[in-house]
Amino acid sequence: MRIDLHTHSTASDGTDSPATVVRAAGEAGLGVVALTDHDTTAGWAEAVDALPAGLSLVRGMEMSCEGRGEDGRPVAVHLLAYLFDPAHEGFARERERLRAERTSRLRGMAEKMAADGLPVDPEAVLAAAGPAAGRPHLARALVEAGVVGSVNEAFEDLLSIRGRYYVHKEDTPLPDAVRMVAQAGGVSVIAHPRASARGRLMDMNQIGELVADGLSGVEVAHHDHGAADEALLRGIAADLDLVVTGSSDYHGRNKSVVLGEFVTAPEQFERLVASASGVEVVAG
């Protein structure tokens, strides 16, 4: 069975609707797919309704967090949260706060660009982005305006954390996020922790510290990880008895990866599911 535990839809910054994601996952021969949009569960219901026969759906989310960098300074870290109860009050409030931070950050970046004379309409970008606004929405607006040739090009310069238009947002402290997921009956996995192309890296020692907070696993097989990264992460996971996952981080046309390009072993997936009590895997 082929299992892909990290995908995005138009509920956040992907280009395919939730229904299209699950249909495409079935056509790609996957047995299990997880929908993990940024800071939102908005795509869950549509994905469940469109689930094809033979495909199981893991309802999840990718959460914006602040971890500890290798240099000791705060660094952005993403946490994959699976099978949690979306009605858990504290966790629901935090997701709402994160989405407000996303909207505020996107508005700030678009307004800075417009003030500099770039052909960007902040209100139009926000309207197109919806509640889970992200930098890819602004990247697509820049592509459509002819400012850059691709989403990747936009991120390399104009949208980079090191660029002049970047605006900071207040993410959830990583230990708090892991505890929230556990309290909501879910399981959590650190997403692409060695993705150096995205900027500074988290301190690998923090992974061990998070086990006491309820961390379940580490995403190892990912298109932003090289062989040395995978070997390092597998060693850490083995030492800490953490689940090892692999996934595509599919975003539709925004990235070149395809569904199922990287997958999770069935026995690792079974360990994740056995630890969750929030919602169940949905079978098509």
C-alpha atoms as a PDB file:
ATOM      1  CA  MET A   1       0.000   0.000   0.000  1.00  0.00           C
ATOM      2  CA  ARG A   2       1.306   3.443  -0.969  1.00  0.00           C
ATOM      3  CA  ILE A   3       0.699   6.158   1.645  1.00  0.00           C
ATOM      4  CA  ASP A   4       1.219   9.927   1.130  1.00  0.00           C
ATOM      5  CA  LEU A   5       0.749  11.919   4.347  1.00  0.00           C
ATOM      6  CA  HIS A   6       1.292  15.533   3.233  1.00  0.00           C
ATOM      7  CA  THR A   7      -0.798  17.327   0.585  1.00  0.00           C
ATOM      8  CA  HIS A   8      -2.336  20.762   0.078  1.00  0.00           C
ATOM      9  CA  SER A   9      -5.466  22.009  -1.670  1.00  0.00           C
ATOM     10  CA  THR A  10      -7.171  25.296  -2.468  1.00  0.00           C
ATOM     11  CA  ALA A  11      -8.281  25.352   1.176  1.00  0.00           C
ATOM     12  CA  SER A  12      -4.800  26.817   1.712  1.00  0.00           C
ATOM     13  CA  ASP A  13      -2.030  27.260  -0.870  1.00  0.00           C
ATOM     14  CA  GLY A  14      -2.525  24.376  -3.294  1.00  0.00           C
ATOM     15  CA  THR A  15      -3.990  24.751  -6.773  1.00  0.00           C
ATOM     16  CA  ASP A  16      -6.298  21.679  -6.711  1.00  0.00           C
ATOM     17  CA  SER A  17      -9.597  21.584  -4.826  1.00  0.00           C
ATOM     18  CA  PRO A  18      -9.841  19.071  -1.954  1.00  0.00           C
ATOM     19  CA  ALA A  19     -12.067  16.905  -4.154  1.00  0.00           C
ATOM     20  CA  THR A  20      -9.513  17.006  -6.965  1.00  0.00           C
ATOM     21  CA  VAL A  21      -6.687  16.074  -4.583  1.00  0.00           C
ATOM     22  CA  VAL A  22      -8.396  12.903  -3.380  1.00  0.00           C
ATOM     23  CA  ARG A  23      -9.528  11.899  -6.865  1.00  0.00           C
ATOM     24  CA  ALA A  24      -5.992  12.420  -8.169  1.00  0.00           C
ATOM     25  CA  ALA A  25      -4.614  10.402  -5.245  1.00  0.00           C
ATOM     26  CA  GLY A  26      -6.862   7.501  -6.202  1.00  0.00           C
ATOM     27  CA  GLU A  27      -5.806   7.752  -9.828  1.00  0.00           C
ATOM     28  CA  ALA A  28      -2.137   7.785  -8.725  1.00  0.00           C
ATOM     29  CA  GLY A  29      -2.632   4.417  -7.077  1.00  0.00           C
ATOM     30  CA  LEU A  30      -2.390   5.593  -3.478  1.00  0.00           C
ATOM     31  CA  GLY A  31      -4.077   3.587  -0.753  1.00  0.00           C
ATOM     32  CA  VAL A  32      -3.973   6.403   1.821  1.00  0.00           C
ATOM     33  CA  VAL A  33      -3.677  10.166   1.447  1.00  0.00           C
ATOM     34  CA  ALA A  34      -3.625  12.919   4.080  1.00  0.00           C
ATOM     35  CA  LEU A  35      -5.030  16.383   3.425  1.00  0.00           C
ATOM     36  CA  THR A  36      -2.859  18.794   5.424  1.00  0.00           C
ATOM     37  CA  ASP A  37      -3.695  22.364   4.492  1.00  0.00           C
ATOM     38  CA  HIS A  38      -2.014  25.177   6.380  1.00  0.00           C
ATOM     39  CA  ASP A  39      -3.677  26.069   9.688  1.00  0.00           C
ATOM     40  CA  THR A  40      -7.147  24.989   8.543  1.00  0.00           C
ATOM     41  CA  THR A  41      -9.538  22.047   8.359  1.00  0.00           C
ATOM     42  CA  ALA A  42     -11.707  23.804   5.760  1.00  0.00           C
ATOM     43  CA  GLY A  43     -11.108  21.155   3.072  1.00  0.00           C
ATOM     44  CA  TRP A  44     -11.970  18.126   5.166  1.00  0.00           C
ATOM     45  CA  ALA A  45     -15.680  17.835   4.363  1.00  0.00           C
ATOM     46  CA  GLU A  46     -15.228  18.231   0.600  1.00  0.00           C
ATOM     47  CA  ALA A  47     -12.443  15.642   0.576  1.00  0.00           C
ATOM     48  CA  VAL A  48     -14.576  13.134   2.490  1.00  0.00           C
ATOM     49  CA  ASP A  49     -17.522  13.642   0.133  1.00  0.00           C
ATOM     50  CA  ALA A  50     -15.337  13.074  -2.939  1.00  0.00           C
ATOM     51  CA  LEU A  51     -13.328  10.140  -1.583  1.00  0.00           C
ATOM     52  CA  PRO A  52     -13.099   7.419  -4.262  1.00  0.00           C
ATOM     53  CA  ALA A  53     -13.505   3.728  -3.505  1.00  0.00           C
ATOM     54  CA  GLY A  54     -10.295   2.071  -2.387  1.00  0.00           C
ATOM     55  CA  LEU A  55      -8.696   5.244  -0.986  1.00  0.00           C
ATOM     56  CA  SER A  56      -8.525   6.117   2.725  1.00  0.00           C
ATOM     57  CA  LEU A  57      -8.329   9.722   3.910  1.00  0.00           C
ATOM     58  CA  VAL A  58      -6.364  11.012   6.885  1.00  0.00           C
ATOM     59  CA  ARG A  59      -7.740  14.365   7.947  1.00  0.00           C
ATOM     60  CA  GLY A  60      -4.916  16.630   9.039  1.00  0.00           C
ATOM     61  CA  MET A  61      -3.313  20.043   8.938  1.00  0.00           C
ATOM     62  CA  GLU A  62       0.124  21.646   8.652  1.00  0.00           C
ATOM     63  CA  MET A  63       0.567  24.067  11.544  1.00  0.00           C
ATOM     64  CA  SER A  64       2.749  27.198  11.548  1.00  0.00           C
ATOM     65  CA  CYS A  65       5.085  27.030  14.541  1.00  0.00           C
ATOM     66  CA  GLU A  66       8.111  28.727  16.040  1.00  0.00           C
ATOM     67  CA  GLY A  67      10.924  26.397  17.044  1.00  0.00           C
ATOM     68  CA  ARG A  68      14.519  26.834  18.154  1.00  0.00           C
ATOM     69  CA  GLY A  69      17.080  27.259  15.421  1.00  0.00           C
ATOM     70  CA  GLU A  70      20.528  25.693  15.235  1.00  0.00           C
ATOM     71  CA  ASP A  71      21.901  29.083  16.267  1.00  0.00           C
ATOM     72  CA  GLY A  72      19.583  29.292  19.277  1.00  0.00           C
ATOM     73  CA  ARG A  73      17.342  31.933  17.711  1.00  0.00           C
ATOM     74  CA  PRO A  74      13.651  31.381  16.874  1.00  0.00           C
ATOM     75  CA  VAL A  75      12.995  29.710  13.527  1.00  0.00           C
ATOM     76  CA  ALA A  76       9.868  28.791  11.552  1.00  0.00           C
ATOM     77  CA  VAL A  77       8.965  25.096  11.853  1.00  0.00           C
ATOM     78  CA  HIS A  78       5.960  23.294  10.396  1.00  0.00           C
ATOM     79  CA  LEU A  79       4.110  20.636  12.351  1.00  0.00           C
ATOM     80  CA  LEU A  80       1.892  18.048  10.673  1.00  0.00           C
ATOM     81  CA  ALA A  81      -1.141  17.321  12.858  1.00  0.00           C
ATOM     82  CA  TYR A  82      -3.256  14.256  12.070  1.00  0.00           C
ATOM     83  CA  LEU A  83      -6.595  12.839  13.231  1.00  0.00           C
ATOM     84  CA  PHE A  84      -7.322  15.494  15.871  1.00  0.00           C
ATOM     85  CA  ASP A  85     -10.770  16.585  17.010  1.00  0.00           C
ATOM     86  CA  PRO A  86     -11.484  19.845  15.122  1.00  0.00           C
ATOM     87  CA  ALA A  87     -13.999  20.880  17.800  1.00  0.00           C
ATOM     88  CA  HIS A  88     -11.408  20.920  20.602  1.00  0.00           C
ATOM     89  CA  GLU A  89     -11.887  24.453  21.893  1.00  0.00           C
ATOM     90  CA  GLY A  90      -8.325  25.512  22.651  1.00  0.00           C
ATOM     91  CA  PHE A  91      -6.915  24.107  19.432  1.00  0.00           C
ATOM     92  CA  ALA A  92      -9.740  25.649  17.375  1.00  0.00           C
ATOM     93  CA  ARG A  93      -9.001  29.081  18.858  1.00  0.00           C
ATOM     94  CA  GLU A  94      -5.321  28.764  18.026  1.00  0.00           C
ATOM     95  CA  ARG A  95      -6.054  27.804  14.416  1.00  0.00           C
ATOM     96  CA  GLU A  96      -8.278  30.872  14.103  1.00  0.00           C
ATOM     97  CA  ARG A  97      -5.489  33.076  15.484  1.00  0.00           C
ATOM     98  CA  LEU A  98      -2.974  31.596  13.054  1.00  0.00           C
ATOM     99  CA  ARG A  99      -5.257  32.263  10.087  1.00  0.00           C
ATOM    100  CA  ALA A 100      -5.644  35.892  11.207  1.00  0.00           C
ATOM    101  CA  GLU A 101      -1.842  36.158  11.359  1.00  0.00           C
ATOM    102  CA  ARG A 102      -1.622  34.767   7.824  1.00  0.00           C
ATOM    103  CA  THR A 103      -4.101  37.332   6.497  1.00  0.00           C
ATOM    104  CA  SER A 104      -2.342  40.203   8.273  1.00  0.00           C
ATOM    105  CA  ARG A 105       1.077  39.113   6.968  1.00  0.00           C
ATOM    106  CA  LEU A 106      -0.169  38.726   3.393  1.00  0.00           C
ATOM    107  CA  ARG A 107      -1.850  42.128   3.472  1.00  0.00           C
ATOM    108  CA  GLY A 108       1.313  43.743   4.816  1.00  0.00           C
ATOM    109  CA  MET A 109       3.533  42.217   2.136  1.00  0.00           C
ATOM    110  CA  ALA A 110       1.128  43.092  -0.701  1.00  0.00           C
ATOM    111  CA  GLU A 111       0.799  46.675   0.546  1.00  0.00           C
ATOM    112  CA  LYS A 112       4.575  47.085   0.701  1.00  0.00           C
ATOM    113  CA  MET A 113       4.843  45.869  -2.886  1.00  0.00           C
ATOM    114  CA  ALA A 114       2.050  48.150  -4.084  1.00  0.00           C
ATOM    115  CA  ALA A 115       3.702  51.111  -2.349  1.00  0.00           C
ATOM    116  CA  ASP A 116       6.885  50.305  -4.260  1.00  0.00           C
ATOM    117  CA  GLY A 117       5.007  50.442  -7.581  1.00  0.00           C
ATOM    118  CA  LEU A 118       4.635  46.723  -8.230  1.00  0.00           C
ATOM    119  CA  PRO A 119       1.350  45.847 -10.007  1.00  0.00           C
ATOM    120  CA  VAL A 120      -0.212  44.148  -6.971  1.00  0.00           C
ATOM    121  CA  ASP A 121      -3.735  44.803  -5.682  1.00  0.00           C
ATOM    122  CA  PRO A 122      -3.738  43.821  -1.971  1.00  0.00           C
ATOM    123  CA  GLU A 123      -7.520  43.488  -1.783  1.00  0.00           C
ATOM    124  CA  ALA A 124      -7.665  41.281  -4.876  1.00  0.00           C
ATOM    125  CA  VAL A 125      -4.887  39.046  -3.527  1.00  0.00           C
ATOM    126  CA  LEU A 126      -6.680  38.657  -0.195  1.00  0.00           C
ATOM    127  CA  ALA A 127     -10.006  37.930  -1.886  1.00  0.00           C
ATOM    128  CA  ALA A 128      -8.415  35.193  -3.980  1.00  0.00           C
ATOM    129  CA  ALA A 129      -6.535  33.743  -0.995  1.00  0.00           C
ATOM    130  CA  GLY A 130      -9.472  33.147   1.330  1.00  0.00           C
ATOM    131  CA  PRO A 131      -9.118  32.441   5.061  1.00  0.00           C
ATOM    132  CA  ALA A 132      -5.884  30.409   4.907  1.00  0.00           C
ATOM    133  CA  ALA A 133      -3.903  33.100   3.092  1.00  0.00           C
ATOM    134  CA  GLY A 134      -0.275  32.363   2.294  1.00  0.00           C
ATOM    135  CA  ARG A 135       2.675  33.702   0.348  1.00  0.00           C
ATOM    136  CA  PRO A 136       1.938  31.374  -2.617  1.00  0.00           C
ATOM    137  CA  HIS A 137      -1.230  33.390  -3.256  1.00  0.00           C
ATOM    138  CA  LEU A 138       0.887  36.523  -3.593  1.00  0.00           C
ATOM    139  CA  ALA A 139       3.399  34.601  -5.701  1.00  0.00           C
ATOM    140  CA  ARG A 140       0.677  33.615  -8.164  1.00  0.00           C
ATOM    141  CA  ALA A 141      -0.476  37.235  -8.343  1.00  0.00           C
ATOM    142  CA  LEU A 142       3.081  38.283  -9.202  1.00  0.00           C
ATOM    143  CA  VAL A 143       3.249  35.618 -11.922  1.00  0.00           C
ATOM    144  CA  GLU A 144      -0.087  36.732 -13.386  1.00  0.00           C
ATOM    145  CA  ALA A 145       1.103  40.358 -13.373  1.00  0.00           C
ATOM    146  CA  GLY A 146       4.279  39.403 -15.265  1.00  0.00           C
ATOM    147  CA  VAL A 147       6.593  40.503 -12.456  1.00  0.00           C
ATOM    148  CA  VAL A 148       8.187  37.044 -12.214  1.00  0.00           C
ATOM    149  CA  GLY A 149       8.115  33.979 -14.400  1.00  0.00           C
ATOM    150  CA  SER A 150       7.175  31.399 -11.772  1.00  0.00           C
ATOM    151  CA  VAL A 151       6.089  30.864  -8.184  1.00  0.00           C
ATOM    152  CA  ASN A 152       9.572  29.577  -7.357  1.00  0.00           C
ATOM    153  CA  GLU A 153      11.149  32.734  -8.760  1.00  0.00           C
ATOM    154  CA  ALA A 154       8.854  34.864  -6.590  1.00  0.00           C
ATOM    155  CA  PHE A 155       9.971  32.986  -3.476  1.00  0.00           C
ATOM    156  CA  GLU A 156      13.644  33.215  -4.351  1.00  0.00           C
ATOM    157  CA  ASP A 157      13.592  37.003  -4.149  1.00  0.00           C
ATOM    158  CA  LEU A 158      10.445  39.030  -3.524  1.00  0.00           C
ATOM    159  CA  LEU A 159       8.819  36.693  -0.977  1.00  0.00           C
ATOM    160  CA  SER A 160      11.945  35.406   0.724  1.00  0.00           C
ATOM    161  CA  ILE A 161      12.274  35.765   4.482  1.00  0.00           C
ATOM    162  CA  ARG A 162      15.465  37.659   3.673  1.00  0.00           C
ATOM    163  CA  GLY A 163      13.741  39.961   1.183  1.00  0.00           C
ATOM    164  CA  ARG A 164      12.641  43.574   1.594  1.00  0.00           C
ATOM    165  CA  TYR A 165       8.920  42.770   1.430  1.00  0.00           C
ATOM    166  CA  TYR A 166       8.831  40.053   4.064  1.00  0.00           C
ATOM    167  CA  VAL A 167       6.510  40.601   7.043  1.00  0.00           C
ATOM    168  CA  HIS A 168       6.793  38.549  10.223  1.00  0.00           C
ATOM    169  CA  LYS A 169       3.859  36.654  11.724  1.00  0.00           C
ATOM    170  CA  GLU A 170       3.416  35.258  15.224  1.00  0.00           C
ATOM    171  CA  ASP A 171       3.422  31.475  14.996  1.00  0.00           C
ATOM    172  CA  THR A 172       2.595  28.992  17.754  1.00  0.00           C
ATOM    173  CA  PRO A 173       5.524  27.986  19.987  1.00  0.00           C
ATOM    174  CA  LEU A 174       6.407  24.465  18.878  1.00  0.00           C
ATOM    175  CA  PRO A 175       6.087  22.759  22.299  1.00  0.00           C
ATOM    176  CA  ASP A 176       2.655  24.365  22.768  1.00  0.00           C
ATOM    177  CA  ALA A 177       1.564  23.160  19.327  1.00  0.00           C
ATOM    178  CA  VAL A 178       2.600  19.555  20.016  1.00  0.00           C
ATOM    179  CA  ARG A 179       0.706  19.609  23.310  1.00  0.00           C
ATOM    180  CA  MET A 180      -2.415  21.111  21.666  1.00  0.00           C
ATOM    181  CA  VAL A 181      -2.494  18.387  19.033  1.00  0.00           C
ATOM    182  CA  ALA A 182      -2.177  15.693  21.706  1.00  0.00           C
ATOM    183  CA  GLN A 183      -4.888  17.287  23.862  1.00  0.00           C
ATOM    184  CA  ALA A 184      -7.200  17.245  20.824  1.00  0.00           C
ATOM    185  CA  GLY A 185      -6.617  13.504  20.406  1.00  0.00           C
ATOM    186  CA  GLY A 186      -4.285  13.893  17.440  1.00  0.00           C
ATOM    187  CA  VAL A 187      -0.759  12.858  16.553  1.00  0.00           C
ATOM    188  CA  SER A 188       2.000  15.192  15.389  1.00  0.00           C
ATOM    189  CA  VAL A 189       4.980  14.890  13.049  1.00  0.00           C
ATOM    190  CA  ILE A 190       7.701  17.486  12.408  1.00  0.00           C
ATOM    191  CA  ALA A 191       7.479  18.438   8.713  1.00  0.00           C
ATOM    192  CA  HIS A 192      10.634  18.541   6.527  1.00  0.00           C
ATOM    193  CA  PRO A 193      12.990  19.487   9.423  1.00  0.00           C
ATOM    194  CA  ARG A 194      16.119  19.506   7.208  1.00  0.00           C
ATOM    195  CA  ALA A 195      14.719  21.575   4.325  1.00  0.00           C
ATOM    196  CA  SER A 196      17.682  23.952   4.145  1.00  0.00           C
ATOM    197  CA  ALA A 197      16.477  25.541   0.896  1.00  0.00           C
ATOM    198  CA  ARG A 198      13.691  27.135   2.936  1.00  0.00           C
ATOM    199  CA  GLY A 199      16.123  28.987   5.214  1.00  0.00           C
ATOM    200  CA  ARG A 200      17.560  28.388   8.678  1.00  0.00           C
ATOM    201  CA  LEU A 201      17.064  24.962  10.256  1.00  0.00           C
ATOM    202  CA  MET A 202      15.657  23.936  13.605  1.00  0.00           C
ATOM    203  CA  ASP A 203      17.934  22.563  16.297  1.00  0.00           C
ATOM    204  CA  MET A 204      17.724  18.774  15.984  1.00  0.00           C
ATOM    205  CA  ASN A 205      18.074  18.499  19.765  1.00  0.00           C
ATOM    206  CA  GLN A 206      14.630  20.063  20.106  1.00  0.00           C
ATOM    207  CA  ILE A 207      13.058  16.991  18.519  1.00  0.00           C
ATOM    208  CA  GLY A 208      14.044  14.928  21.536  1.00  0.00           C
ATOM    209  CA  GLU A 209      12.700  17.571  23.904  1.00  0.00           C
ATOM    210  CA  LEU A 210       9.313  17.436  22.163  1.00  0.00           C
ATOM    211  CA  VAL A 211       8.795  13.738  22.840  1.00  0.00           C
ATOM    212  CA  ALA A 212       7.701  14.553  26.396  1.00  0.00           C
ATOM    213  CA  ASP A 213       5.125  16.962  24.955  1.00  0.00           C
ATOM    214  CA  GLY A 214       3.609  14.194  22.815  1.00  0.00           C
ATOM    215  CA  LEU A 215       5.498  14.334  19.487  1.00  0.00           C
ATOM    216  CA  SER A 216       4.843  11.180  17.469  1.00  0.00           C
ATOM    217  CA  GLY A 217       7.128  11.342  14.446  1.00  0.00           C
ATOM    218  CA  VAL A 218       9.421  12.985  11.930  1.00  0.00           C
ATOM    219  CA  GLU A 219       8.927  13.483   8.187  1.00  0.00           C
ATOM    220  CA  VAL A 220      12.052  11.959   6.658  1.00  0.00           C
ATOM    221  CA  ALA A 221      11.446  11.209   2.958  1.00  0.00           C
ATOM    222  CA  HIS A 222      10.742  14.592   1.338  1.00  0.00           C
ATOM    223  CA  HIS A 223      11.841  16.344  -1.837  1.00  0.00           C
ATOM    224  CA  ASP A 224      13.744  18.987   0.175  1.00  0.00           C
ATOM    225  CA  HIS A 225      15.869  16.363   1.960  1.00  0.00           C
ATOM    226  CA  GLY A 226      19.059  14.887   0.595  1.00  0.00           C
ATOM    227  CA  ALA A 227      20.482  11.475   1.421  1.00  0.00           C
ATOM    228  CA  ALA A 228      22.525  12.829   4.338  1.00  0.00           C
ATOM    229  CA  ASP A 229      19.445  14.574   5.755  1.00  0.00           C
ATOM    230  CA  GLU A 230      17.414  11.373   5.565  1.00  0.00           C
ATOM    231  CA  ALA A 231      20.156   9.360   7.253  1.00  0.00           C
ATOM    232  CA  LEU A 232      20.420  11.906  10.077  1.00  0.00           C
ATOM    233  CA  LEU A 233      16.666  11.984  10.642  1.00  0.00           C
ATOM    234  CA  ARG A 234      16.303   8.202  10.538  1.00  0.00           C
ATOM    235  CA  GLY A 235      18.969   7.952  13.214  1.00  0.00           C
ATOM    236  CA  ILE A 236      17.213  10.512  15.402  1.00  0.00           C
ATOM    237  CA  ALA A 237      13.866   8.771  14.949  1.00  0.00           C
ATOM    238  CA  ALA A 238      15.374   5.382  15.831  1.00  0.00           C
ATOM    239  CA  ASP A 239      17.035   6.754  18.963  1.00  0.00           C
ATOM    240  CA  LEU A 240      13.779   8.372  20.124  1.00  0.00           C
ATOM    241  CA  ASP A 241      11.421   5.600  18.896  1.00  0.00           C
ATOM    242  CA  LEU A 242       9.551   8.073  16.689  1.00  0.00           C
ATOM    243  CA  VAL A 243       7.458   7.236  13.634  1.00  0.00           C
ATOM    244  CA  VAL A 244       9.210   7.866  10.291  1.00  0.00           C
ATOM    245  CA  THR A 245       7.051   9.269   7.504  1.00  0.00           C
ATOM    246  CA  GLY A 246       7.518  10.150   3.845  1.00  0.00           C
ATOM    247  CA  SER A 247       5.293  12.311   1.699  1.00  0.00           C
ATOM    248  CA  SER A 248       5.082  14.452  -1.411  1.00  0.00           C
ATOM    249  CA  ASP A 249       4.065  17.815   0.115  1.00  0.00           C
ATOM    250  CA  TYR A 250       1.903  18.105  -2.994  1.00  0.00           C
ATOM    251  CA  HIS A 251       0.711  21.619  -3.912  1.00  0.00           C
ATOM    252  CA  GLY A 252      -0.657  21.036  -7.413  1.00  0.00           C
ATOM    253  CA  ARG A 253       0.824  23.373 -10.019  1.00  0.00           C
ATOM    254  CA  ASN A 254       2.723  25.392  -7.393  1.00  0.00           C
ATOM    255  CA  LYS A 255       5.407  22.691  -7.124  1.00  0.00           C
ATOM    256  CA  SER A 256       6.842  20.099  -9.465  1.00  0.00           C
ATOM    257  CA  VAL A 257       6.385  17.130  -7.097  1.00  0.00           C
ATOM    258  CA  VAL A 258       3.657  14.592  -7.808  1.00  0.00           C
ATOM    259  CA  LEU A 259       1.357  12.679  -5.491  1.00  0.00           C
ATOM    260  CA  GLY A 260       3.055   9.616  -4.064  1.00  0.00           C
ATOM    261  CA  GLU A 261       6.553  10.753  -5.032  1.00  0.00           C
ATOM    262  CA  PHE A 262       7.579   9.954  -1.441  1.00  0.00           C
ATOM    263  CA  VAL A 263       5.586   7.602   0.775  1.00  0.00           C
ATOM    264  CA  THR A 264       5.222   6.269   4.317  1.00  0.00           C
ATOM    265  CA  ALA A 265       5.704   2.589   5.168  1.00  0.00           C
ATOM    266  CA  PRO A 266       2.447   0.858   6.189  1.00  0.00           C
ATOM    267  CA  GLU A 267       3.799  -0.253   9.569  1.00  0.00           C
ATOM    268  CA  GLN A 268       4.800   3.336  10.382  1.00  0.00           C
ATOM    269  CA  PHE A 269       1.365   4.568   9.382  1.00  0.00           C
ATOM    270  CA  GLU A 270      -0.262   1.968  11.607  1.00  0.00           C
ATOM    271  CA  ARG A 271       1.747   3.263  14.571  1.00  0.00           C
ATOM    272  CA  LEU A 272       0.471   6.802  13.943  1.00  0.00           C
ATOM    273  CA  VAL A 273      -3.153   5.749  13.688  1.00  0.00           C
ATOM    274  CA  ALA A 274      -2.939   3.614  16.825  1.00  0.00           C
ATOM    275  CA  SER A 275      -1.911   6.672  18.858  1.00  0.00           C
ATOM    276  CA  ALA A 276      -4.784   8.923  17.689  1.00  0.00           C
ATOM    277  CA  SER A 277      -8.194   9.323  19.319  1.00  0.00           C
ATOM    278  CA  GLY A 278      -9.587  12.516  17.795  1.00  0.00           C
ATOM    279  CA  VAL A 279     -11.159  11.394  14.507  1.00  0.00           C
ATOM    280  CA  GLU A 280     -10.841   8.196  12.525  1.00  0.00           C
ATOM    281  CA  VAL A 281      -9.326   7.479   9.124  1.00  0.00           C
ATOM    282  CA  VAL A 282     -12.115   7.640   6.537  1.00  0.00           C
ATOM    283  CA  ALA A 283     -12.288   4.720   4.096  1.00  0.00           C
ATOM    284  CA  GLY A 284     -13.608   5.283   0.579  1.00  0.00           C
END
